[in-house]
Amino acid sequence: MACATAFGPRKTRLLYLRWQLTLHLMRAQKLSPNDNMEAKRPKHHYRQVTVFYKDGETFARVYTDHAKATNFAARQKKSPVVKMARVTEVS
């Protein structure tokens, strides 16, 4: 048993008991293991800020926070060398 050699017999027993308790609680709530895993996963909406410079260069940065993306775009627009800064949602 690879788990027993990695953690030792006592730790392996504790992990097994925790796993059984989790399954018992999920059965009591009528949840499947996939439902529990999907509930914990955060859902992100990615925003890409693309900055277009007057000399033709472009720069892009991706944010998970919409406020940070818009603040970055607004800050870049203040620069005299920036022609345009755009925020788009990417998946």
PDB file of N, CA and C in Angstrom:
ATOM      1  N   MET A   1       0.843  -1.172   0.000  1.00  0.00           N
ATOM      2  CA  MET A   1       0.000   0.000   0.000  1.00  0.00           C
ATOM      3  C   MET A   1       0.893   1.242   0.000  1.00  0.00           C
ATOM      4  N   ALA A   2       0.842   2.004  -1.084  1.00  0.00           N
ATOM      5  CA  ALA A   2       1.724   3.155  -1.231  1.00  0.00           C
ATOM      6  C   ALA A   2       1.392   4.244  -0.217  1.00  0.00           C
ATOM      7  N   CYS A   3       0.123   4.392   0.096  1.00  0.00           N
ATOM      8  CA  CYS A   3      -0.289   5.441   1.023  1.00  0.00           C
ATOM      9  C   CYS A   3       0.252   5.160   2.433  1.00  0.00           C
ATOM     10  N   ALA A   4       0.264   3.912   2.817  1.00  0.00           N
ATOM     11  CA  ALA A   4       0.740   3.554   4.149  1.00  0.00           C
ATOM     12  C   ALA A   4       2.234   3.837   4.288  1.00  0.00           C
ATOM     13  N   THR A   5       2.993   3.641   3.216  1.00  0.00           N
ATOM     14  CA  THR A   5       4.427   3.894   3.309  1.00  0.00           C
ATOM     15  C   THR A   5       4.718   5.392   3.271  1.00  0.00           C
ATOM     16  N   ALA A   6       3.880   6.153   2.611  1.00  0.00           N
ATOM     17  CA  ALA A   6       4.135   7.584   2.506  1.00  0.00           C
ATOM     18  C   ALA A   6       3.765   8.314   3.794  1.00  0.00           C
ATOM     19  N   PHE A   7       2.663   7.936   4.442  1.00  0.00           N
ATOM     20  CA  PHE A   7       2.178   8.655   5.611  1.00  0.00           C
ATOM     21  C   PHE A   7       2.361   7.903   6.923  1.00  0.00           C
ATOM     22  N   GLY A   8       2.535   6.608   6.878  1.00  0.00           N
ATOM     23  CA  GLY A   8       2.583   5.814   8.086  1.00  0.00           C
ATOM     24  C   GLY A   8       1.199   5.255   8.385  1.00  0.00           C
ATOM     25  N   PRO A   9       1.118   4.172   9.173  1.00  0.00           N
ATOM     26  CA  PRO A   9      -0.177   3.508   9.381  1.00  0.00           C
ATOM     27  C   PRO A   9      -1.192   4.366  10.132  1.00  0.00           C
ATOM     28  N   ARG A  10      -0.761   5.168  11.096  1.00  0.00           N
ATOM     29  CA  ARG A  10      -1.718   5.983  11.864  1.00  0.00           C
ATOM     30  C   ARG A  10      -2.328   7.088  11.004  1.00  0.00           C
ATOM     31  N   LYS A  11      -1.492   7.776  10.237  1.00  0.00           N
ATOM     32  CA  LYS A  11      -1.969   8.837   9.362  1.00  0.00           C
ATOM     33  C   LYS A  11      -2.877   8.265   8.270  1.00  0.00           C
ATOM     34  N   THR A  12      -2.523   7.083   7.756  1.00  0.00           N
ATOM     35  CA  THR A  12      -3.348   6.445   6.741  1.00  0.00           C
ATOM     36  C   THR A  12      -4.726   6.117   7.303  1.00  0.00           C
ATOM     37  N   ARG A  13      -4.782   5.630   8.518  1.00  0.00           N
ATOM     38  CA  ARG A  13      -6.057   5.301   9.160  1.00  0.00           C
ATOM     39  C   ARG A  13      -6.903   6.570   9.353  1.00  0.00           C
ATOM     40  N   LEU A  14      -6.268   7.673   9.774  1.00  0.00           N
ATOM     41  CA  LEU A  14      -6.994   8.923   9.957  1.00  0.00           C
ATOM     42  C   LEU A  14      -7.541   9.454   8.633  1.00  0.00           C
ATOM     43  N   LEU A  15      -6.740   9.345   7.571  1.00  0.00           N
ATOM     44  CA  LEU A  15      -7.206   9.778   6.254  1.00  0.00           C
ATOM     45  C   LEU A  15      -8.390   8.935   5.785  1.00  0.00           C
ATOM     46  N   TYR A  16      -8.312   7.634   6.041  1.00  0.00           N
ATOM     47  CA  TYR A  16      -9.397   6.734   5.646  1.00  0.00           C
ATOM     48  C   TYR A  16     -10.674   7.061   6.426  1.00  0.00           C
ATOM     49  N   LEU A  17     -10.554   7.322   7.725  1.00  0.00           N
ATOM     50  CA  LEU A  17     -11.723   7.654   8.526  1.00  0.00           C
ATOM     51  C   LEU A  17     -12.332   8.985   8.105  1.00  0.00           C
ATOM     52  N   ARG A  18     -11.499   9.961   7.759  1.00  0.00           N
ATOM     53  CA  ARG A  18     -12.005  11.253   7.288  1.00  0.00           C
ATOM     54  C   ARG A  18     -12.753  11.078   5.957  1.00  0.00           C
ATOM     55  N   TRP A  19     -12.205  10.252   5.081  1.00  0.00           N
ATOM     56  CA  TRP A  19     -12.843   9.993   3.796  1.00  0.00           C
ATOM     57  C   TRP A  19     -14.200   9.325   4.000  1.00  0.00           C
ATOM     58  N   GLN A  20     -14.275   8.349   4.909  1.00  0.00           N
ATOM     59  CA  GLN A  20     -15.547   7.681   5.173  1.00  0.00           C
ATOM     60  C   GLN A  20     -16.562   8.637   5.793  1.00  0.00           C
ATOM     61  N   LEU A  21     -16.115   9.509   6.689  1.00  0.00           N
ATOM     62  CA  LEU A  21     -17.010  10.488   7.287  1.00  0.00           C
ATOM     63  C   LEU A  21     -17.545  11.454   6.234  1.00  0.00           C
ATOM     64  N   THR A  22     -16.692  11.868   5.320  1.00  0.00           N
ATOM     65  CA  THR A  22     -17.129  12.754   4.239  1.00  0.00           C
ATOM     66  C   THR A  22     -18.177  12.071   3.380  1.00  0.00           C
ATOM     67  N   LEU A  23     -17.942  10.813   3.026  1.00  0.00           N
ATOM     68  CA  LEU A  23     -18.924  10.069   2.228  1.00  0.00           C
ATOM     69  C   LEU A  23     -20.237   9.914   2.980  1.00  0.00           C
ATOM     70  N   HIS A  24     -20.160   9.650   4.279  1.00  0.00           N
ATOM     71  CA  HIS A  24     -21.368   9.489   5.085  1.00  0.00           C
ATOM     72  C   HIS A  24     -22.175  10.790   5.114  1.00  0.00           C
ATOM     73  N   LEU A  25     -21.483  11.907   5.314  1.00  0.00           N
ATOM     74  CA  LEU A  25     -22.180  13.192   5.344  1.00  0.00           C
ATOM     75  C   LEU A  25     -22.772  13.556   3.983  1.00  0.00           C
ATOM     76  N   MET A  26     -22.062  13.199   2.915  1.00  0.00           N
ATOM     77  CA  MET A  26     -22.580  13.485   1.576  1.00  0.00           C
ATOM     78  C   MET A  26     -23.802  12.634   1.271  1.00  0.00           C
ATOM     79  N   ARG A  27     -23.790  11.393   1.733  1.00  0.00           N
ATOM     80  CA  ARG A  27     -24.977  10.535   1.534  1.00  0.00           C
ATOM     81  C   ARG A  27     -26.158  11.057   2.343  1.00  0.00           C
ATOM     82  N   ALA A  28     -25.891  11.588   3.536  1.00  0.00           N
ATOM     83  CA  ALA A  28     -26.964  12.134   4.360  1.00  0.00           C
ATOM     84  C   ALA A  28     -27.578  13.360   3.695  1.00  0.00           C
ATOM     85  N   GLN A  29     -26.767  14.139   2.987  1.00  0.00           N
ATOM     86  CA  GLN A  29     -27.269  15.321   2.290  1.00  0.00           C
ATOM     87  C   GLN A  29     -27.693  14.999   0.855  1.00  0.00           C
ATOM     88  N   LYS A  30     -27.560  13.728   0.466  1.00  0.00           N
ATOM     89  CA  LYS A  30     -27.891  13.258  -0.880  1.00  0.00           C
ATOM     90  C   LYS A  30     -27.082  13.995  -1.953  1.00  0.00           C
ATOM     91  N   LEU A  31     -25.797  14.104  -1.706  1.00  0.00           N
ATOM     92  CA  LEU A  31     -24.886  14.720  -2.662  1.00  0.00           C
ATOM     93  C   LEU A  31     -23.985  13.653  -3.255  1.00  0.00           C
ATOM     94  N   SER A  32     -23.616  13.835  -4.504  1.00  0.00           N
ATOM     95  CA  SER A  32     -22.619  12.959  -5.097  1.00  0.00           C
ATOM     96  C   SER A  32     -21.252  13.611  -4.906  1.00  0.00           C
ATOM     97  N   PRO A  33     -20.168  12.853  -4.996  1.00  0.00           N
ATOM     98  CA  PRO A  33     -18.841  13.453  -4.829  1.00  0.00           C
ATOM     99  C   PRO A  33     -18.563  14.575  -5.843  1.00  0.00           C
ATOM    100  N   ASN A  34     -19.089  14.460  -7.060  1.00  0.00           N
ATOM    101  CA  ASN A  34     -18.864  15.496  -8.068  1.00  0.00           C
ATOM    102  C   ASN A  34     -19.556  16.798  -7.688  1.00  0.00           C
ATOM    103  N   ASP A  35     -20.751  16.721  -7.089  1.00  0.00           N
ATOM    104  CA  ASP A  35     -21.452  17.933  -6.675  1.00  0.00           C
ATOM    105  C   ASP A  35     -20.649  18.697  -5.631  1.00  0.00           C
ATOM    106  N   ASN A  36     -20.034  17.967  -4.718  1.00  0.00           N
ATOM    107  CA  ASN A  36     -19.249  18.608  -3.658  1.00  0.00           C
ATOM    108  C   ASN A  36     -18.007  19.274  -4.230  1.00  0.00           C
ATOM    109  N   MET A  37     -17.343  18.638  -5.185  1.00  0.00           N
ATOM    110  CA  MET A  37     -16.127  19.202  -5.768  1.00  0.00           C
ATOM    111  C   MET A  37     -16.456  20.438  -6.610  1.00  0.00           C
ATOM    112  N   GLU A  38     -17.560  20.418  -7.335  1.00  0.00           N
ATOM    113  CA  GLU A  38     -17.914  21.553  -8.181  1.00  0.00           C
ATOM    114  C   GLU A  38     -18.329  22.755  -7.340  1.00  0.00           C
ATOM    115  N   ALA A  39     -18.890  22.525  -6.178  1.00  0.00           N
ATOM    116  CA  ALA A  39     -19.326  23.632  -5.329  1.00  0.00           C
ATOM    117  C   ALA A  39     -18.133  24.403  -4.775  1.00  0.00           C
ATOM    118  N   LYS A  40     -17.006  23.740  -4.572  1.00  0.00           N
ATOM    119  CA  LYS A  40     -15.835  24.384  -3.986  1.00  0.00           C
ATOM    120  C   LYS A  40     -15.020  25.144  -5.023  1.00  0.00           C
ATOM    121  N   ARG A  41     -15.184  24.834  -6.298  1.00  0.00           N
ATOM    122  CA  ARG A  41     -14.352  25.430  -7.335  1.00  0.00           C
ATOM    123  C   ARG A  41     -14.827  26.843  -7.651  1.00  0.00           C
ATOM    124  N   PRO A  42     -13.944  27.842  -7.533  1.00  0.00           N
ATOM    125  CA  PRO A  42     -14.379  29.211  -7.828  1.00  0.00           C
ATOM    126  C   PRO A  42     -14.562  29.415  -9.325  1.00  0.00           C
ATOM    127  N   LYS A  43     -15.551  30.185  -9.678  1.00  0.00           N
ATOM    128  CA  LYS A  43     -15.816  30.501 -11.071  1.00  0.00           C
ATOM    129  C   LYS A  43     -15.244  31.872 -11.363  1.00  0.00           C
ATOM    130  N   HIS A  44     -14.325  31.946 -12.323  1.00  0.00           N
ATOM    131  CA  HIS A  44     -13.688  33.206 -12.675  1.00  0.00           C
ATOM    132  C   HIS A  44     -14.185  33.671 -14.028  1.00  0.00           C
ATOM    133  N   HIS A  45     -14.336  34.964 -14.167  1.00  0.00           N
ATOM    134  CA  HIS A  45     -14.592  35.591 -15.445  1.00  0.00           C
ATOM    135  C   HIS A  45     -13.352  36.430 -15.751  1.00  0.00           C
ATOM    136  N   TYR A  46     -12.603  36.026 -16.757  1.00  0.00           N
ATOM    137  CA  TYR A  46     -11.343  36.683 -17.049  1.00  0.00           C
ATOM    138  C   TYR A  46     -11.570  37.907 -17.918  1.00  0.00           C
ATOM    139  N   ARG A  47     -10.875  39.000 -17.597  1.00  0.00           N
ATOM    140  CA  ARG A  47     -10.928  40.237 -18.354  1.00  0.00           C
ATOM    141  C   ARG A  47      -9.535  40.504 -18.924  1.00  0.00           C
ATOM    142  N   GLN A  48      -9.479  40.777 -20.212  1.00  0.00           N
ATOM    143  CA  GLN A  48      -8.208  41.093 -20.847  1.00  0.00           C
ATOM    144  C   GLN A  48      -8.179  42.579 -21.171  1.00  0.00           C
ATOM    145  N   VAL A  49      -7.119  43.220 -20.714  1.00  0.00           N
ATOM    146  CA  VAL A  49      -6.909  44.638 -21.014  1.00  0.00           C
ATOM    147  C   VAL A  49      -5.879  44.704 -22.135  1.00  0.00           C
ATOM    148  N   THR A  50      -6.281  45.275 -23.252  1.00  0.00           N
ATOM    149  CA  THR A  50      -5.378  45.448 -24.385  1.00  0.00           C
ATOM    150  C   THR A  50      -5.078  46.934 -24.527  1.00  0.00           C
ATOM    151  N   VAL A  51      -3.796  47.269 -24.534  1.00  0.00           N
ATOM    152  CA  VAL A  51      -3.357  48.651 -24.652  1.00  0.00           C
ATOM    153  C   VAL A  51      -2.718  48.821 -26.028  1.00  0.00           C
ATOM    154  N   PHE A  52      -3.227  49.784 -26.784  1.00  0.00           N
ATOM    155  CA  PHE A  52      -2.695  50.096 -28.108  1.00  0.00           C
ATOM    156  C   PHE A  52      -1.914  51.398 -28.017  1.00  0.00           C
ATOM    157  N   TYR A  53      -0.644  51.347 -28.418  1.00  0.00           N
ATOM    158  CA  TYR A  53       0.213  52.519 -28.371  1.00  0.00           C
ATOM    159  C   TYR A  53       0.208  53.235 -29.717  1.00  0.00           C
ATOM    160  N   LYS A  54       0.595  54.504 -29.733  1.00  0.00           N
ATOM    161  CA  LYS A  54       0.585  55.316 -30.951  1.00  0.00           C
ATOM    162  C   LYS A  54       1.600  54.845 -31.982  1.00  0.00           C
ATOM    163  N   ASP A  55       2.662  54.163 -31.524  1.00  0.00           N
ATOM    164  CA  ASP A  55       3.671  53.672 -32.472  1.00  0.00           C
ATOM    165  C   ASP A  55       3.313  52.318 -33.075  1.00  0.00           C
ATOM    166  N   GLY A  56       2.120  51.789 -32.752  1.00  0.00           N
ATOM    167  CA  GLY A  56       1.672  50.521 -33.337  1.00  0.00           C
ATOM    168  C   GLY A  56       1.869  49.307 -32.446  1.00  0.00           C
ATOM    169  N   GLU A  57       2.540  49.460 -31.344  1.00  0.00           N
ATOM    170  CA  GLU A  57       2.745  48.339 -30.426  1.00  0.00           C
ATOM    171  C   GLU A  57       1.468  48.063 -29.644  1.00  0.00           C
ATOM    172  N   THR A  58       1.323  46.812 -29.203  1.00  0.00           N
ATOM    173  CA  THR A  58       0.188  46.431 -28.354  1.00  0.00           C
ATOM    174  C   THR A  58       0.711  45.687 -27.136  1.00  0.00           C
ATOM    175  N   PHE A  59      -0.060  45.760 -26.071  1.00  0.00           N
ATOM    176  CA  PHE A  59       0.261  45.074 -24.823  1.00  0.00           C
ATOM    177  C   PHE A  59      -1.045  44.564 -24.234  1.00  0.00           C
ATOM    178  N   ALA A  60      -1.033  43.343 -23.701  1.00  0.00           N
ATOM    179  CA  ALA A  60      -2.248  42.778 -23.115  1.00  0.00           C
ATOM    180  C   ALA A  60      -1.936  42.151 -21.768  1.00  0.00           C
ATOM    181  N   ARG A  61      -2.891  42.277 -20.864  1.00  0.00           N
ATOM    182  CA  ARG A  61      -2.781  41.688 -19.527  1.00  0.00           C
ATOM    183  C   ARG A  61      -4.149  41.140 -19.142  1.00  0.00           C
ATOM    184  N   VAL A  62      -4.172  40.003 -18.422  1.00  0.00           N
ATOM    185  CA  VAL A  62      -5.424  39.345 -18.052  1.00  0.00           C
ATOM    186  C   VAL A  62      -5.639  39.472 -16.548  1.00  0.00           C
ATOM    187  N   TYR A  63      -6.872  39.825 -16.163  1.00  0.00           N
ATOM    188  CA  TYR A  63      -7.267  39.977 -14.759  1.00  0.00           C
ATOM    189  C   TYR A  63      -8.489  39.103 -14.481  1.00  0.00           C
ATOM    190  N   THR A  64      -8.626  38.655 -13.228  1.00  0.00           N
ATOM    191  CA  THR A  64      -9.847  37.964 -12.799  1.00  0.00           C
ATOM    192  C   THR A  64     -10.813  38.938 -12.142  1.00  0.00           C
ATOM    193  N   ASP A  65     -10.312  40.068 -11.705  1.00  0.00           N
ATOM    194  CA  ASP A  65     -11.144  41.071 -11.049  1.00  0.00           C
ATOM    195  C   ASP A  65     -11.476  42.184 -12.043  1.00  0.00           C
ATOM    196  N   HIS A  66     -12.768  42.435 -12.232  1.00  0.00           N
ATOM    197  CA  HIS A  66     -13.218  43.437 -13.199  1.00  0.00           C
ATOM    198  C   HIS A  66     -12.777  44.847 -12.796  1.00  0.00           C
ATOM    199  N   ALA A  67     -12.835  45.153 -11.519  1.00  0.00           N
ATOM    200  CA  ALA A  67     -12.450  46.483 -11.043  1.00  0.00           C
ATOM    201  C   ALA A  67     -10.966  46.753 -11.303  1.00  0.00           C
ATOM    202  N   LYS A  68     -10.125  45.770 -11.065  1.00  0.00           N
ATOM    203  CA  LYS A  68      -8.697  45.948 -11.306  1.00  0.00           C
ATOM    204  C   LYS A  68      -8.409  46.153 -12.792  1.00  0.00           C
ATOM    205  N   ALA A  69      -9.153  45.434 -13.632  1.00  0.00           N
ATOM    206  CA  ALA A  69      -8.958  45.582 -15.077  1.00  0.00           C
ATOM    207  C   ALA A  69      -9.346  46.977 -15.544  1.00  0.00           C
ATOM    208  N   THR A  70     -10.486  47.472 -15.078  1.00  0.00           N
ATOM    209  CA  THR A  70     -10.919  48.803 -15.507  1.00  0.00           C
ATOM    210  C   THR A  70     -10.001  49.893 -14.948  1.00  0.00           C
ATOM    211  N   ASN A  71      -9.516  49.714 -13.728  1.00  0.00           N
ATOM    212  CA  ASN A  71      -8.576  50.687 -13.156  1.00  0.00           C
ATOM    213  C   ASN A  71      -7.265  50.715 -13.936  1.00  0.00           C
ATOM    214  N   PHE A  72      -6.787  49.544 -14.344  1.00  0.00           N
ATOM    215  CA  PHE A  72      -5.554  49.478 -15.119  1.00  0.00           C
ATOM    216  C   PHE A  72      -5.745  50.169 -16.471  1.00  0.00           C
ATOM    217  N   ALA A  73      -6.883  49.919 -17.114  1.00  0.00           N
ATOM    218  CA  ALA A  73      -7.154  50.544 -18.413  1.00  0.00           C
ATOM    219  C   ALA A  73      -7.260  52.065 -18.267  1.00  0.00           C
ATOM    220  N   ALA A  74      -7.933  52.536 -17.235  1.00  0.00           N
ATOM    221  CA  ALA A  74      -8.067  53.972 -17.013  1.00  0.00           C
ATOM    222  C   ALA A  74      -6.711  54.616 -16.745  1.00  0.00           C
ATOM    223  N   ARG A  75      -5.866  53.930 -15.994  1.00  0.00           N
ATOM    224  CA  ARG A  75      -4.542  54.463 -15.684  1.00  0.00           C
ATOM    225  C   ARG A  75      -3.675  54.532 -16.947  1.00  0.00           C
ATOM    226  N   GLN A  76      -3.803  53.522 -17.822  1.00  0.00           N
ATOM    227  CA  GLN A  76      -3.023  53.513 -19.056  1.00  0.00           C
ATOM    228  C   GLN A  76      -3.481  54.594 -20.023  1.00  0.00           C
ATOM    229  N   LYS A  77      -4.795  54.886 -20.038  1.00  0.00           N
ATOM    230  CA  LYS A  77      -5.338  55.901 -20.954  1.00  0.00           C
ATOM    231  C   LYS A  77      -4.794  57.296 -20.653  1.00  0.00           C
ATOM    232  N   LYS A  78      -4.354  57.518 -19.431  1.00  0.00           N
ATOM    233  CA  LYS A  78      -3.819  58.831 -19.047  1.00  0.00           C
ATOM    234  C   LYS A  78      -2.469  59.115 -19.693  1.00  0.00           C
ATOM    235  N   SER A  79      -1.781  58.079 -20.137  1.00  0.00           N
ATOM    236  CA  SER A  79      -0.450  58.259 -20.710  1.00  0.00           C
ATOM    237  C   SER A  79      -0.558  58.879 -22.101  1.00  0.00           C
ATOM    238  N   PRO A  80       0.343  59.803 -22.441  1.00  0.00           N
ATOM    239  CA  PRO A  80       0.272  60.439 -23.759  1.00  0.00           C
ATOM    240  C   PRO A  80       0.667  59.518 -24.916  1.00  0.00           C
ATOM    241  N   VAL A  81       1.357  58.427 -24.643  1.00  0.00           N
ATOM    242  CA  VAL A  81       1.770  57.520 -25.720  1.00  0.00           C
ATOM    243  C   VAL A  81       0.735  56.447 -26.020  1.00  0.00           C
ATOM    244  N   VAL A  82      -0.335  56.381 -25.226  1.00  0.00           N
ATOM    245  CA  VAL A  82      -1.370  55.363 -25.421  1.00  0.00           C
ATOM    246  C   VAL A  82      -2.467  55.929 -26.309  1.00  0.00           C
ATOM    247  N   LYS A  83      -2.765  55.183 -27.386  1.00  0.00           N
ATOM    248  CA  LYS A  83      -3.838  55.594 -28.284  1.00  0.00           C
ATOM    249  C   LYS A  83      -5.196  55.122 -27.755  1.00  0.00           C
ATOM    250  N   MET A  84      -5.257  53.853 -27.268  1.00  0.00           N
ATOM    251  CA  MET A  84      -6.525  53.300 -26.792  1.00  0.00           C
ATOM    252  C   MET A  84      -6.236  52.150 -25.824  1.00  0.00           C
ATOM    253  N   ALA A  85      -7.097  51.987 -24.835  1.00  0.00           N
ATOM    254  CA  ALA A  85      -7.039  50.841 -23.915  1.00  0.00           C
ATOM    255  C   ALA A  85      -8.425  50.237 -23.853  1.00  0.00           C
ATOM    256  N   ARG A  86      -8.495  48.936 -24.079  1.00  0.00           N
ATOM    257  CA  ARG A  86      -9.782  48.254 -24.175  1.00  0.00           C
ATOM    258  C   ARG A  86      -9.840  47.090 -23.187  1.00  0.00           C
ATOM    259  N   VAL A  87     -11.010  46.897 -22.544  1.00  0.00           N
ATOM    260  CA  VAL A  87     -11.232  45.776 -21.638  1.00  0.00           C
ATOM    261  C   VAL A  87     -12.232  44.845 -22.301  1.00  0.00           C
ATOM    262  N   THR A  88     -11.853  43.569 -22.476  1.00  0.00           N
ATOM    263  CA  THR A  88     -12.750  42.571 -23.056  1.00  0.00           C
ATOM    264  C   THR A  88     -12.801  41.365 -22.148  1.00  0.00           C
ATOM    265  N   GLU A  89     -13.934  40.654 -22.186  1.00  0.00           N
ATOM    266  CA  GLU A  89     -14.082  39.434 -21.388  1.00  0.00           C
ATOM    267  C   GLU A  89     -13.642  38.253 -22.225  1.00  0.00           C
ATOM    268  N   VAL A  90     -12.754  37.449 -21.663  1.00  0.00           N
ATOM    269  CA  VAL A  90     -12.270  36.236 -22.334  1.00  0.00           C
ATOM    270  C   VAL A  90     -12.661  35.040 -21.482  1.00  0.00           C
ATOM    271  N   SER A  91     -12.754  33.879 -22.112  1.00  0.00           N
ATOM    272  CA  SER A  91     -13.165  32.695 -21.349  1.00  0.00           C
ATOM    273  C   SER A  91     -12.020  31.762 -21.079  1.00  0.00           C
TER     274      SER A  91
END
